[in-house]
Amino acid sequence: MPTKLPPDFYLDDTVSVARNLLGCVLWRRIRKTTLAARIVETEAYLGANDPASHARRGLRSDRNESMYLTGGHAYVYFTYGMHWCMNVVTQEADIAEAVLLRAVEPVKGIETMRKNRPKAKRDFDLTNGPGKICMAMAIDRKLDGERLDGESLFITPRDIEVSDDDIVVTQRVGIDGSGEAAAWPLRFFLRANRYVSAYRNVR
């Protein structure tokens, strides 16, 4: 088992964390079952000064309280009345910045992921979206606020080499109502990776 990412990894600036998470591996342990998937797409959300963030203007609620923890915790929230999404909290406590995991590539436990997402007809559809990740890897509200160096949910360093040339940068997805923030270049993904969301548009 690779060594887990150290706590100070998450205290770097949020954009750097979003880039540096690409190629790292997300692990989920459920009793005797272990699932793992390589992170291939992320988005950075920059707290109080980011109109697209759940913490914009310093908003704080039961829903987003985990965003205010110190970096290295999970922020898991429910969206559209049907999907869980997982973020990696960054920065010191009370900064409320985070990185949304948008897509991952399964590397262990794919049969279980298929059972968790029976509607996925192709393997690259299993985890090519934030809601799909959580469904395939059984991540829900019970893991909100979980430390990312624990036993049930954790992240390990890159298991592949990733260079700056391998990373594509675009604006974030689905935040058209966020004014100028909708155009900020805060989405990062591995070039030509089949598991990236909206793959047909980004090759």
N, C-alpha and C. Protein backbone atom coordinates (compact mmCIF):
# COMPACT_ATOMS: atom_id res chain seq x y z
N MET A 1 0.85 -1.20 0.00
CA MET A 1 0.00 0.00 0.00
C MET A 1 0.89 1.25 0.00
N PRO A 2 0.72 2.14 -0.98
CA PRO A 2 1.53 3.37 -1.00
C PRO A 2 1.28 4.23 0.24
N THR A 3 2.23 5.08 0.54
CA THR A 3 2.10 6.02 1.66
C THR A 3 1.04 7.06 1.34
N LYS A 4 0.24 7.41 2.34
CA LYS A 4 -0.80 8.43 2.15
C LYS A 4 -0.17 9.81 2.00
N LEU A 5 -0.86 10.68 1.28
CA LEU A 5 -0.38 12.05 1.14
C LEU A 5 -0.26 12.69 2.53
N PRO A 6 0.81 13.43 2.78
CA PRO A 6 1.00 14.06 4.09
C PRO A 6 0.05 15.24 4.27
N PRO A 7 -0.27 15.61 5.50
CA PRO A 7 -1.20 16.72 5.74
C PRO A 7 -0.78 18.03 5.08
N ASP A 8 0.52 18.31 5.00
CA ASP A 8 0.93 19.59 4.44
C ASP A 8 0.73 19.68 2.93
N PHE A 9 0.49 18.54 2.27
CA PHE A 9 0.15 18.56 0.84
C PHE A 9 -1.06 19.45 0.60
N TYR A 10 -2.03 19.37 1.50
CA TYR A 10 -3.31 20.06 1.32
C TYR A 10 -3.26 21.52 1.75
N LEU A 11 -2.15 21.95 2.32
CA LEU A 11 -2.04 23.33 2.80
C LEU A 11 -1.40 24.25 1.76
N ASP A 12 -1.00 23.70 0.63
CA ASP A 12 -0.50 24.51 -0.48
C ASP A 12 -1.65 25.35 -1.03
N ASP A 13 -1.35 26.31 -1.92
CA ASP A 13 -2.44 27.08 -2.51
C ASP A 13 -3.35 26.13 -3.28
N THR A 14 -4.64 26.46 -3.32
CA THR A 14 -5.66 25.53 -3.80
C THR A 14 -5.48 25.17 -5.27
N VAL A 15 -5.06 26.11 -6.09
CA VAL A 15 -4.84 25.81 -7.50
C VAL A 15 -3.72 24.77 -7.65
N SER A 16 -2.66 24.92 -6.87
CA SER A 16 -1.57 23.94 -6.92
C SER A 16 -2.04 22.57 -6.47
N VAL A 17 -2.86 22.53 -5.43
CA VAL A 17 -3.38 21.25 -4.97
C VAL A 17 -4.24 20.61 -6.06
N ALA A 18 -5.07 21.41 -6.72
CA ALA A 18 -5.92 20.87 -7.78
C ALA A 18 -5.09 20.25 -8.89
N ARG A 19 -3.99 20.89 -9.25
CA ARG A 19 -3.10 20.35 -10.28
C ARG A 19 -2.34 19.12 -9.77
N ASN A 20 -1.86 19.21 -8.55
CA ASN A 20 -1.02 18.14 -8.01
C ASN A 20 -1.80 16.88 -7.63
N LEU A 21 -3.11 17.01 -7.48
CA LEU A 21 -3.93 15.82 -7.23
C LEU A 21 -4.05 14.94 -8.47
N LEU A 22 -3.86 15.51 -9.65
CA LEU A 22 -3.98 14.71 -10.87
C LEU A 22 -2.91 13.62 -10.87
N GLY A 23 -3.35 12.40 -11.04
CA GLY A 23 -2.45 11.25 -10.99
C GLY A 23 -2.36 10.60 -9.64
N CYS A 24 -2.81 11.28 -8.59
CA CYS A 24 -2.88 10.67 -7.26
C CYS A 24 -4.03 9.67 -7.23
N VAL A 25 -4.05 8.83 -6.22
CA VAL A 25 -5.04 7.75 -6.17
C VAL A 25 -5.94 7.89 -4.95
N LEU A 26 -7.24 7.90 -5.22
CA LEU A 26 -8.27 7.95 -4.17
C LEU A 26 -8.63 6.52 -3.79
N TRP A 27 -8.60 6.24 -2.47
CA TRP A 27 -8.90 4.91 -1.94
C TRP A 27 -10.15 4.96 -1.07
N ARG A 28 -10.96 3.90 -1.17
CA ARG A 28 -12.17 3.75 -0.35
C ARG A 28 -12.21 2.32 0.17
N ARG A 29 -12.24 2.19 1.49
CA ARG A 29 -12.33 0.87 2.11
C ARG A 29 -13.70 0.72 2.76
N ILE A 30 -14.37 -0.37 2.43
CA ILE A 30 -15.68 -0.68 3.00
C ILE A 30 -15.61 -2.12 3.49
N ARG A 31 -15.43 -2.27 4.80
CA ARG A 31 -15.23 -3.59 5.39
C ARG A 31 -14.07 -4.31 4.68
N LYS A 32 -14.33 -5.42 4.00
CA LYS A 32 -13.24 -6.17 3.36
C LYS A 32 -13.01 -5.76 1.91
N THR A 33 -13.76 -4.79 1.44
CA THR A 33 -13.64 -4.36 0.05
C THR A 33 -12.78 -3.10 -0.04
N THR A 34 -11.85 -3.10 -0.98
CA THR A 34 -11.01 -1.93 -1.21
C THR A 34 -11.18 -1.47 -2.65
N LEU A 35 -11.49 -0.19 -2.81
CA LEU A 35 -11.63 0.42 -4.12
C LEU A 35 -10.56 1.49 -4.27
N ALA A 36 -10.08 1.67 -5.48
CA ALA A 36 -9.09 2.71 -5.73
C ALA A 36 -9.26 3.24 -7.14
N ALA A 37 -9.02 4.54 -7.30
CA ALA A 37 -9.16 5.17 -8.61
C ALA A 37 -8.22 6.36 -8.71
N ARG A 38 -7.60 6.48 -9.87
CA ARG A 38 -6.65 7.58 -10.12
C ARG A 38 -7.43 8.86 -10.46
N ILE A 39 -7.07 9.95 -9.82
CA ILE A 39 -7.73 11.23 -10.05
C ILE A 39 -7.26 11.80 -11.39
N VAL A 40 -8.21 12.10 -12.29
CA VAL A 40 -7.84 12.57 -13.63
C VAL A 40 -8.46 13.93 -13.97
N GLU A 41 -9.34 14.44 -13.11
CA GLU A 41 -9.97 15.74 -13.38
C GLU A 41 -10.37 16.40 -12.07
N THR A 42 -10.03 17.68 -11.92
CA THR A 42 -10.35 18.42 -10.71
C THR A 42 -10.82 19.83 -11.05
N GLU A 43 -11.44 20.48 -10.08
CA GLU A 43 -11.76 21.91 -10.17
C GLU A 43 -11.44 22.58 -8.84
N ALA A 44 -10.85 23.75 -8.90
CA ALA A 44 -10.53 24.51 -7.69
C ALA A 44 -11.65 25.49 -7.37
N TYR A 45 -11.99 25.61 -6.09
CA TYR A 45 -12.98 26.58 -5.61
C TYR A 45 -12.33 27.40 -4.49
N LEU A 46 -12.39 28.73 -4.65
CA LEU A 46 -11.51 29.60 -3.90
C LEU A 46 -12.19 30.41 -2.79
N GLY A 47 -13.15 29.79 -2.12
CA GLY A 47 -13.68 30.35 -0.89
C GLY A 47 -14.50 31.61 -1.03
N ALA A 48 -14.32 32.52 -0.07
CA ALA A 48 -15.20 33.68 0.07
C ALA A 48 -15.19 34.59 -1.16
N ASN A 49 -14.08 34.66 -1.86
CA ASN A 49 -13.97 35.57 -3.00
C ASN A 49 -14.28 34.90 -4.34
N ASP A 50 -14.82 33.71 -4.29
CA ASP A 50 -15.17 32.96 -5.50
C ASP A 50 -16.69 32.84 -5.58
N PRO A 51 -17.32 33.56 -6.51
CA PRO A 51 -18.79 33.52 -6.61
C PRO A 51 -19.36 32.14 -6.89
N ALA A 52 -18.54 31.21 -7.36
CA ALA A 52 -19.02 29.86 -7.64
C ALA A 52 -18.87 28.92 -6.45
N SER A 53 -18.23 29.39 -5.39
CA SER A 53 -17.97 28.54 -4.23
C SER A 53 -19.17 28.47 -3.30
N HIS A 54 -19.33 27.35 -2.62
CA HIS A 54 -20.36 27.24 -1.59
C HIS A 54 -20.06 28.16 -0.41
N ALA A 55 -18.83 28.64 -0.31
CA ALA A 55 -18.44 29.56 0.76
C ALA A 55 -18.32 31.00 0.28
N ARG A 56 -18.92 31.32 -0.85
CA ARG A 56 -18.85 32.69 -1.37
C ARG A 56 -19.38 33.68 -0.34
N ARG A 57 -18.72 34.82 -0.27
CA ARG A 57 -19.06 35.89 0.67
C ARG A 57 -19.05 35.40 2.12
N GLY A 58 -18.32 34.34 2.39
CA GLY A 58 -18.22 33.83 3.75
C GLY A 58 -19.41 33.02 4.22
N LEU A 59 -20.26 32.57 3.28
CA LEU A 59 -21.42 31.77 3.66
C LEU A 59 -20.99 30.54 4.45
N ARG A 60 -21.72 30.26 5.50
CA ARG A 60 -21.39 29.10 6.35
C ARG A 60 -22.68 28.47 6.83
N SER A 61 -22.80 27.16 6.69
CA SER A 61 -24.05 26.47 7.03
C SER A 61 -23.72 25.03 7.42
N ASP A 62 -24.75 24.29 7.84
CA ASP A 62 -24.54 22.88 8.15
C ASP A 62 -24.02 22.14 6.92
N ARG A 63 -24.48 22.54 5.75
CA ARG A 63 -24.09 21.85 4.52
C ARG A 63 -22.60 21.99 4.23
N ASN A 64 -22.06 23.20 4.39
CA ASN A 64 -20.67 23.42 3.96
C ASN A 64 -19.68 23.54 5.13
N GLU A 65 -20.10 23.18 6.31
CA GLU A 65 -19.23 23.35 7.48
C GLU A 65 -17.88 22.66 7.30
N SER A 66 -17.86 21.54 6.62
CA SER A 66 -16.60 20.81 6.44
C SER A 66 -15.60 21.58 5.59
N MET A 67 -16.07 22.52 4.78
CA MET A 67 -15.15 23.34 4.00
C MET A 67 -14.25 24.18 4.89
N TYR A 68 -14.71 24.46 6.09
CA TYR A 68 -13.98 25.32 7.02
C TYR A 68 -12.98 24.56 7.89
N LEU A 69 -12.91 23.25 7.70
CA LEU A 69 -11.89 22.46 8.41
C LEU A 69 -10.52 22.73 7.79
N THR A 70 -9.48 22.31 8.45
CA THR A 70 -8.15 22.45 7.88
C THR A 70 -8.00 21.53 6.68
N GLY A 71 -7.08 21.87 5.78
CA GLY A 71 -6.87 21.06 4.59
C GLY A 71 -6.58 19.61 4.93
N GLY A 72 -7.06 18.71 4.05
CA GLY A 72 -6.87 17.29 4.29
C GLY A 72 -8.09 16.58 4.82
N HIS A 73 -9.25 17.23 4.71
CA HIS A 73 -10.54 16.61 5.04
C HIS A 73 -11.39 16.53 3.78
N ALA A 74 -12.41 15.68 3.83
CA ALA A 74 -13.36 15.57 2.73
C ALA A 74 -14.56 16.48 2.99
N TYR A 75 -14.99 17.16 1.94
CA TYR A 75 -16.26 17.89 1.98
C TYR A 75 -17.18 17.20 0.98
N VAL A 76 -18.20 16.53 1.49
CA VAL A 76 -19.14 15.77 0.66
C VAL A 76 -20.51 16.43 0.76
N TYR A 77 -21.08 16.79 -0.37
CA TYR A 77 -22.37 17.47 -0.36
C TYR A 77 -23.33 16.84 -1.37
N PHE A 78 -24.60 17.10 -1.18
CA PHE A 78 -25.67 16.57 -2.03
C PHE A 78 -26.08 17.66 -3.01
N THR A 79 -26.28 17.29 -4.27
CA THR A 79 -26.63 18.29 -5.27
C THR A 79 -27.72 17.78 -6.20
N TYR A 80 -28.51 18.69 -6.72
CA TYR A 80 -29.60 18.38 -7.64
C TYR A 80 -30.57 17.36 -7.08
N GLY A 81 -30.59 17.21 -5.77
CA GLY A 81 -31.52 16.28 -5.13
C GLY A 81 -31.27 14.83 -5.45
N MET A 82 -30.05 14.50 -5.97
CA MET A 82 -29.83 13.12 -6.37
C MET A 82 -28.38 12.65 -6.32
N HIS A 83 -27.39 13.56 -6.27
CA HIS A 83 -26.00 13.14 -6.36
C HIS A 83 -25.17 13.63 -5.18
N TRP A 84 -24.25 12.78 -4.70
CA TRP A 84 -23.22 13.21 -3.78
C TRP A 84 -22.00 13.61 -4.59
N CYS A 85 -21.29 14.63 -4.13
CA CYS A 85 -20.05 15.07 -4.76
C CYS A 85 -18.99 15.20 -3.67
N MET A 86 -17.75 14.88 -4.01
CA MET A 86 -16.67 14.93 -3.03
C MET A 86 -15.65 16.01 -3.39
N ASN A 87 -15.30 16.81 -2.40
CA ASN A 87 -14.25 17.81 -2.50
C ASN A 87 -13.14 17.50 -1.52
N VAL A 88 -11.94 17.89 -1.89
CA VAL A 88 -10.78 17.83 -1.00
C VAL A 88 -10.57 19.22 -0.41
N VAL A 89 -10.70 19.35 0.90
CA VAL A 89 -10.53 20.66 1.55
C VAL A 89 -9.05 21.03 1.56
N THR A 90 -8.77 22.30 1.31
CA THR A 90 -7.39 22.80 1.27
C THR A 90 -7.22 23.96 2.25
N GLN A 91 -5.98 24.40 2.40
CA GLN A 91 -5.66 25.59 3.19
C GLN A 91 -5.85 25.37 4.70
N GLU A 92 -5.54 26.41 5.45
CA GLU A 92 -5.71 26.37 6.90
C GLU A 92 -7.20 26.41 7.25
N ALA A 93 -7.52 26.07 8.48
CA ALA A 93 -8.91 26.09 8.94
C ALA A 93 -9.52 27.48 8.74
N ASP A 94 -10.80 27.50 8.39
CA ASP A 94 -11.62 28.70 8.23
C ASP A 94 -11.36 29.46 6.93
N ILE A 95 -10.52 28.93 6.05
CA ILE A 95 -10.32 29.55 4.73
C ILE A 95 -11.41 29.11 3.76
N ALA A 96 -11.89 27.88 3.89
CA ALA A 96 -13.02 27.34 3.11
C ALA A 96 -12.73 27.27 1.62
N GLU A 97 -11.55 26.80 1.26
CA GLU A 97 -11.27 26.51 -0.14
C GLU A 97 -11.21 24.99 -0.31
N ALA A 98 -11.49 24.55 -1.55
CA ALA A 98 -11.58 23.10 -1.77
C ALA A 98 -11.38 22.78 -3.24
N VAL A 99 -11.13 21.50 -3.50
CA VAL A 99 -10.96 20.99 -4.86
C VAL A 99 -12.02 19.91 -5.10
N LEU A 100 -12.87 20.14 -6.08
CA LEU A 100 -13.88 19.15 -6.47
C LEU A 100 -13.22 18.06 -7.30
N LEU A 101 -13.48 16.80 -6.96
CA LEU A 101 -13.04 15.69 -7.78
C LEU A 101 -14.08 15.46 -8.86
N ARG A 102 -13.70 15.72 -10.11
CA ARG A 102 -14.66 15.63 -11.21
C ARG A 102 -14.62 14.29 -11.94
N ALA A 103 -13.46 13.63 -11.98
CA ALA A 103 -13.40 12.35 -12.67
C ALA A 103 -12.20 11.56 -12.14
N VAL A 104 -12.35 10.24 -12.10
CA VAL A 104 -11.28 9.34 -11.68
C VAL A 104 -11.27 8.13 -12.61
N GLU A 105 -10.14 7.45 -12.64
CA GLU A 105 -9.97 6.24 -13.46
C GLU A 105 -9.79 5.05 -12.54
N PRO A 106 -10.71 4.08 -12.55
CA PRO A 106 -10.61 2.94 -11.63
C PRO A 106 -9.30 2.17 -11.81
N VAL A 107 -8.70 1.79 -10.69
CA VAL A 107 -7.50 0.96 -10.74
C VAL A 107 -7.63 -0.28 -9.85
N LYS A 108 -8.62 -0.31 -8.97
CA LYS A 108 -8.84 -1.49 -8.10
C LYS A 108 -10.31 -1.55 -7.71
N GLY A 109 -10.87 -2.75 -7.76
CA GLY A 109 -12.25 -2.93 -7.34
C GLY A 109 -13.27 -2.55 -8.38
N ILE A 110 -12.90 -2.66 -9.66
CA ILE A 110 -13.81 -2.20 -10.71
C ILE A 110 -15.11 -3.01 -10.75
N GLU A 111 -15.05 -4.29 -10.38
CA GLU A 111 -16.28 -5.10 -10.37
C GLU A 111 -17.28 -4.55 -9.37
N THR A 112 -16.79 -4.14 -8.20
CA THR A 112 -17.69 -3.52 -7.22
C THR A 112 -18.23 -2.21 -7.74
N MET A 113 -17.39 -1.42 -8.40
CA MET A 113 -17.87 -0.15 -8.97
C MET A 113 -18.96 -0.40 -10.00
N ARG A 114 -18.82 -1.46 -10.78
CA ARG A 114 -19.86 -1.79 -11.77
C ARG A 114 -21.18 -2.13 -11.08
N LYS A 115 -21.08 -2.85 -9.96
CA LYS A 115 -22.30 -3.19 -9.21
C LYS A 115 -22.93 -1.93 -8.61
N ASN A 116 -22.09 -1.00 -8.17
CA ASN A 116 -22.60 0.24 -7.58
C ASN A 116 -23.21 1.17 -8.62
N ARG A 117 -22.79 1.03 -9.88
CA ARG A 117 -23.32 1.87 -10.97
C ARG A 117 -23.80 0.98 -12.11
N PRO A 118 -24.88 0.24 -11.91
CA PRO A 118 -25.34 -0.72 -12.93
C PRO A 118 -25.81 -0.05 -14.23
N LYS A 119 -26.10 1.23 -14.18
CA LYS A 119 -26.56 1.91 -15.41
C LYS A 119 -25.41 2.25 -16.35
N ALA A 120 -24.19 2.20 -15.86
CA ALA A 120 -23.03 2.51 -16.70
C ALA A 120 -22.80 1.36 -17.68
N LYS A 121 -22.89 1.64 -18.97
CA LYS A 121 -22.76 0.61 -20.00
C LYS A 121 -21.30 0.34 -20.37
N ARG A 122 -20.44 1.35 -20.15
CA ARG A 122 -19.02 1.21 -20.50
C ARG A 122 -18.20 1.60 -19.28
N ASP A 123 -17.02 0.99 -19.16
CA ASP A 123 -16.21 1.23 -17.97
C ASP A 123 -15.85 2.70 -17.81
N PHE A 124 -15.59 3.43 -18.92
CA PHE A 124 -15.21 4.82 -18.76
C PHE A 124 -16.37 5.71 -18.35
N ASP A 125 -17.59 5.16 -18.36
CA ASP A 125 -18.74 5.90 -17.84
C ASP A 125 -18.94 5.71 -16.34
N LEU A 126 -18.18 4.82 -15.74
CA LEU A 126 -18.37 4.53 -14.32
C LEU A 126 -18.10 5.74 -13.43
N THR A 127 -17.05 6.48 -13.76
CA THR A 127 -16.55 7.50 -12.83
C THR A 127 -16.18 8.81 -13.53
N ASN A 128 -16.79 9.09 -14.68
CA ASN A 128 -16.44 10.30 -15.44
C ASN A 128 -17.37 11.47 -15.12
N GLY A 129 -17.52 11.73 -13.84
CA GLY A 129 -18.33 12.84 -13.36
C GLY A 129 -18.34 12.80 -11.84
N PRO A 130 -18.52 13.94 -11.18
CA PRO A 130 -18.43 13.97 -9.71
C PRO A 130 -19.46 13.10 -9.00
N GLY A 131 -20.69 13.10 -9.50
CA GLY A 131 -21.71 12.25 -8.90
C GLY A 131 -21.44 10.77 -9.13
N LYS A 132 -20.91 10.46 -10.30
CA LYS A 132 -20.60 9.07 -10.63
C LYS A 132 -19.48 8.52 -9.74
N ILE A 133 -18.49 9.37 -9.44
CA ILE A 133 -17.41 8.94 -8.53
C ILE A 133 -17.99 8.47 -7.21
N CYS A 134 -18.84 9.30 -6.63
CA CYS A 134 -19.37 8.99 -5.30
C CYS A 134 -20.25 7.76 -5.32
N MET A 135 -21.03 7.59 -6.37
CA MET A 135 -21.87 6.41 -6.45
C MET A 135 -21.02 5.15 -6.62
N ALA A 136 -20.05 5.20 -7.52
CA ALA A 136 -19.22 4.02 -7.80
C ALA A 136 -18.38 3.62 -6.60
N MET A 137 -17.94 4.63 -5.81
CA MET A 137 -17.04 4.36 -4.71
C MET A 137 -17.72 4.44 -3.34
N ALA A 138 -19.06 4.47 -3.36
CA ALA A 138 -19.85 4.45 -2.11
C ALA A 138 -19.44 5.57 -1.15
N ILE A 139 -19.38 6.77 -1.68
CA ILE A 139 -19.04 7.96 -0.89
C ILE A 139 -20.31 8.77 -0.69
N ASP A 140 -20.67 9.04 0.54
CA ASP A 140 -21.88 9.81 0.81
C ASP A 140 -21.67 10.68 2.05
N ARG A 141 -22.76 11.22 2.57
CA ARG A 141 -22.70 12.19 3.66
C ARG A 141 -21.97 11.66 4.89
N LYS A 142 -21.99 10.34 5.08
CA LYS A 142 -21.32 9.77 6.25
C LYS A 142 -19.82 10.06 6.23
N LEU A 143 -19.28 10.36 5.07
CA LEU A 143 -17.85 10.65 4.94
C LEU A 143 -17.56 12.14 4.89
N ASP A 144 -18.57 12.96 5.03
CA ASP A 144 -18.35 14.40 5.08
C ASP A 144 -17.55 14.75 6.32
N GLY A 145 -16.46 15.45 6.14
CA GLY A 145 -15.59 15.80 7.25
C GLY A 145 -14.54 14.76 7.58
N GLU A 146 -14.51 13.67 6.82
CA GLU A 146 -13.54 12.60 7.08
C GLU A 146 -12.12 13.06 6.79
N ARG A 147 -11.18 12.69 7.63
CA ARG A 147 -9.77 12.96 7.35
C ARG A 147 -9.31 12.10 6.17
N LEU A 148 -8.46 12.68 5.33
CA LEU A 148 -8.02 11.98 4.13
C LEU A 148 -6.72 11.21 4.33
N ASP A 149 -6.35 11.00 5.59
CA ASP A 149 -5.25 10.11 5.90
C ASP A 149 -5.70 9.01 6.85
N GLY A 150 -7.01 8.74 6.83
CA GLY A 150 -7.57 7.72 7.70
C GLY A 150 -7.58 6.34 7.05
N GLU A 151 -8.54 5.51 7.43
CA GLU A 151 -8.59 4.14 6.93
C GLU A 151 -9.70 3.91 5.91
N SER A 152 -10.80 4.63 6.00
CA SER A 152 -11.92 4.36 5.10
C SER A 152 -11.89 5.21 3.83
N LEU A 153 -11.19 6.35 3.89
CA LEU A 153 -11.12 7.24 2.72
C LEU A 153 -9.78 7.95 2.79
N PHE A 154 -8.95 7.78 1.76
CA PHE A 154 -7.64 8.43 1.80
C PHE A 154 -7.09 8.55 0.39
N ILE A 155 -6.03 9.34 0.25
CA ILE A 155 -5.41 9.61 -1.05
C ILE A 155 -3.92 9.32 -0.94
N THR A 156 -3.39 8.65 -1.96
CA THR A 156 -1.96 8.34 -2.00
C THR A 156 -1.32 9.06 -3.19
N PRO A 157 0.00 9.20 -3.18
CA PRO A 157 0.68 9.97 -4.23
C PRO A 157 0.49 9.38 -5.63
N ARG A 158 0.91 10.15 -6.61
CA ARG A 158 0.80 9.74 -8.01
C ARG A 158 1.45 8.37 -8.23
N ASP A 159 0.76 7.55 -9.01
CA ASP A 159 1.35 6.27 -9.41
C ASP A 159 1.75 6.30 -10.88
N ILE A 160 1.65 7.48 -11.51
CA ILE A 160 2.11 7.71 -12.87
C ILE A 160 2.86 9.03 -12.90
N GLU A 161 3.64 9.24 -13.92
CA GLU A 161 4.31 10.51 -14.08
C GLU A 161 3.35 11.50 -14.76
N VAL A 162 3.32 12.72 -14.24
CA VAL A 162 2.48 13.77 -14.81
C VAL A 162 3.34 15.02 -14.98
N SER A 163 3.45 15.49 -16.20
CA SER A 163 4.19 16.73 -16.48
C SER A 163 3.21 17.86 -16.72
N ASP A 164 3.69 19.08 -16.73
CA ASP A 164 2.83 20.23 -17.02
C ASP A 164 2.17 20.08 -18.38
N ASP A 165 2.85 19.48 -19.33
CA ASP A 165 2.29 19.31 -20.67
C ASP A 165 1.14 18.31 -20.69
N ASP A 166 1.06 17.46 -19.67
CA ASP A 166 -0.03 16.48 -19.59
C ASP A 166 -1.32 17.07 -19.05
N ILE A 167 -1.26 18.29 -18.51
CA ILE A 167 -2.41 18.90 -17.83
C ILE A 167 -3.07 19.94 -18.73
N VAL A 168 -4.35 19.78 -18.95
CA VAL A 168 -5.15 20.74 -19.70
C VAL A 168 -5.90 21.63 -18.70
N VAL A 169 -5.97 22.91 -18.99
CA VAL A 169 -6.62 23.88 -18.11
C VAL A 169 -7.78 24.53 -18.86
N THR A 170 -8.97 24.54 -18.27
CA THR A 170 -10.13 25.19 -18.87
C THR A 170 -10.94 25.89 -17.78
N GLN A 171 -12.01 26.54 -18.18
CA GLN A 171 -12.95 27.07 -17.20
C GLN A 171 -13.73 25.93 -16.58
N ARG A 172 -14.33 26.20 -15.42
CA ARG A 172 -15.07 25.16 -14.71
C ARG A 172 -16.40 24.85 -15.40
N VAL A 173 -17.02 23.76 -14.99
CA VAL A 173 -18.22 23.25 -15.64
C VAL A 173 -19.46 23.56 -14.81
N GLY A 174 -20.55 23.98 -15.47
CA GLY A 174 -21.84 24.08 -14.80
C GLY A 174 -22.01 25.23 -13.84
N ILE A 175 -21.25 26.32 -14.03
CA ILE A 175 -21.36 27.46 -13.10
C ILE A 175 -21.63 28.75 -13.89
N ASP A 176 -22.42 28.66 -14.92
CA ASP A 176 -22.65 29.80 -15.81
C ASP A 176 -23.24 31.01 -15.08
N GLY A 177 -23.92 30.79 -13.96
CA GLY A 177 -24.53 31.89 -13.23
C GLY A 177 -23.61 32.57 -12.23
N SER A 178 -22.32 32.35 -12.37
CA SER A 178 -21.36 32.87 -11.39
C SER A 178 -20.61 34.10 -11.87
N GLY A 179 -21.16 34.80 -12.85
CA GLY A 179 -20.53 36.02 -13.34
C GLY A 179 -19.17 35.76 -13.95
N GLU A 180 -18.23 36.66 -13.69
CA GLU A 180 -16.90 36.53 -14.29
C GLU A 180 -16.18 35.27 -13.83
N ALA A 181 -16.57 34.75 -12.66
CA ALA A 181 -15.92 33.54 -12.15
C ALA A 181 -16.16 32.33 -13.05
N ALA A 182 -17.21 32.39 -13.86
CA ALA A 182 -17.49 31.27 -14.76
C ALA A 182 -16.36 31.06 -15.77
N ALA A 183 -15.59 32.09 -16.03
CA ALA A 183 -14.51 31.99 -17.01
C ALA A 183 -13.14 31.75 -16.39
N TRP A 184 -13.07 31.69 -15.07
CA TRP A 184 -11.76 31.50 -14.44
C TRP A 184 -11.19 30.14 -14.83
N PRO A 185 -9.90 30.05 -15.14
CA PRO A 185 -9.29 28.78 -15.59
C PRO A 185 -8.91 27.88 -14.40
N LEU A 186 -9.91 27.24 -13.83
CA LEU A 186 -9.71 26.49 -12.59
C LEU A 186 -10.11 25.02 -12.70
N ARG A 187 -10.27 24.53 -13.92
CA ARG A 187 -10.53 23.11 -14.15
C ARG A 187 -9.27 22.50 -14.76
N PHE A 188 -8.88 21.34 -14.23
CA PHE A 188 -7.63 20.70 -14.66
C PHE A 188 -7.90 19.23 -14.94
N PHE A 189 -7.36 18.72 -16.04
CA PHE A 189 -7.53 17.30 -16.32
C PHE A 189 -6.35 16.77 -17.12
N LEU A 190 -6.20 15.44 -17.08
CA LEU A 190 -5.13 14.78 -17.81
C LEU A 190 -5.50 14.66 -19.28
N ARG A 191 -4.65 15.16 -20.12
CA ARG A 191 -4.89 15.20 -21.55
C ARG A 191 -5.18 13.79 -22.12
N ALA A 192 -6.25 13.72 -22.91
CA ALA A 192 -6.62 12.50 -23.64
C ALA A 192 -6.99 11.33 -22.74
N ASN A 193 -7.24 11.57 -21.46
CA ASN A 193 -7.67 10.48 -20.59
C ASN A 193 -9.15 10.19 -20.84
N ARG A 194 -9.47 8.94 -21.10
CA ARG A 194 -10.82 8.55 -21.51
C ARG A 194 -11.84 8.77 -20.41
N TYR A 195 -11.40 8.87 -19.16
CA TYR A 195 -12.33 8.97 -18.04
C TYR A 195 -12.71 10.41 -17.71
N VAL A 196 -12.10 11.38 -18.37
CA VAL A 196 -12.44 12.78 -18.12
C VAL A 196 -13.88 13.04 -18.54
N SER A 197 -14.60 13.84 -17.76
CA SER A 197 -15.99 14.15 -18.10
C SER A 197 -16.04 14.94 -19.41
N ALA A 198 -17.12 14.76 -20.17
CA ALA A 198 -17.27 15.44 -21.47
C ALA A 198 -16.05 15.18 -22.35
N TYR A 199 -15.59 13.94 -22.36
CA TYR A 199 -14.36 13.57 -23.07
C TYR A 199 -14.38 13.98 -24.53
N ARG A 200 -15.54 13.82 -25.16
CA ARG A 200 -15.61 14.12 -26.60
C ARG A 200 -15.27 15.58 -26.92
N ASN A 201 -15.40 16.45 -25.91
CA ASN A 201 -15.15 17.87 -26.15
C ASN A 201 -13.73 18.32 -25.78
N VAL A 202 -12.93 17.40 -25.24
CA VAL A 202 -11.67 17.87 -24.66
C VAL A 202 -10.46 17.08 -25.12
N ARG A 203 -10.58 16.26 -26.14
CA ARG A 203 -9.44 15.48 -26.59
C ARG A 203 -8.38 16.37 -27.21
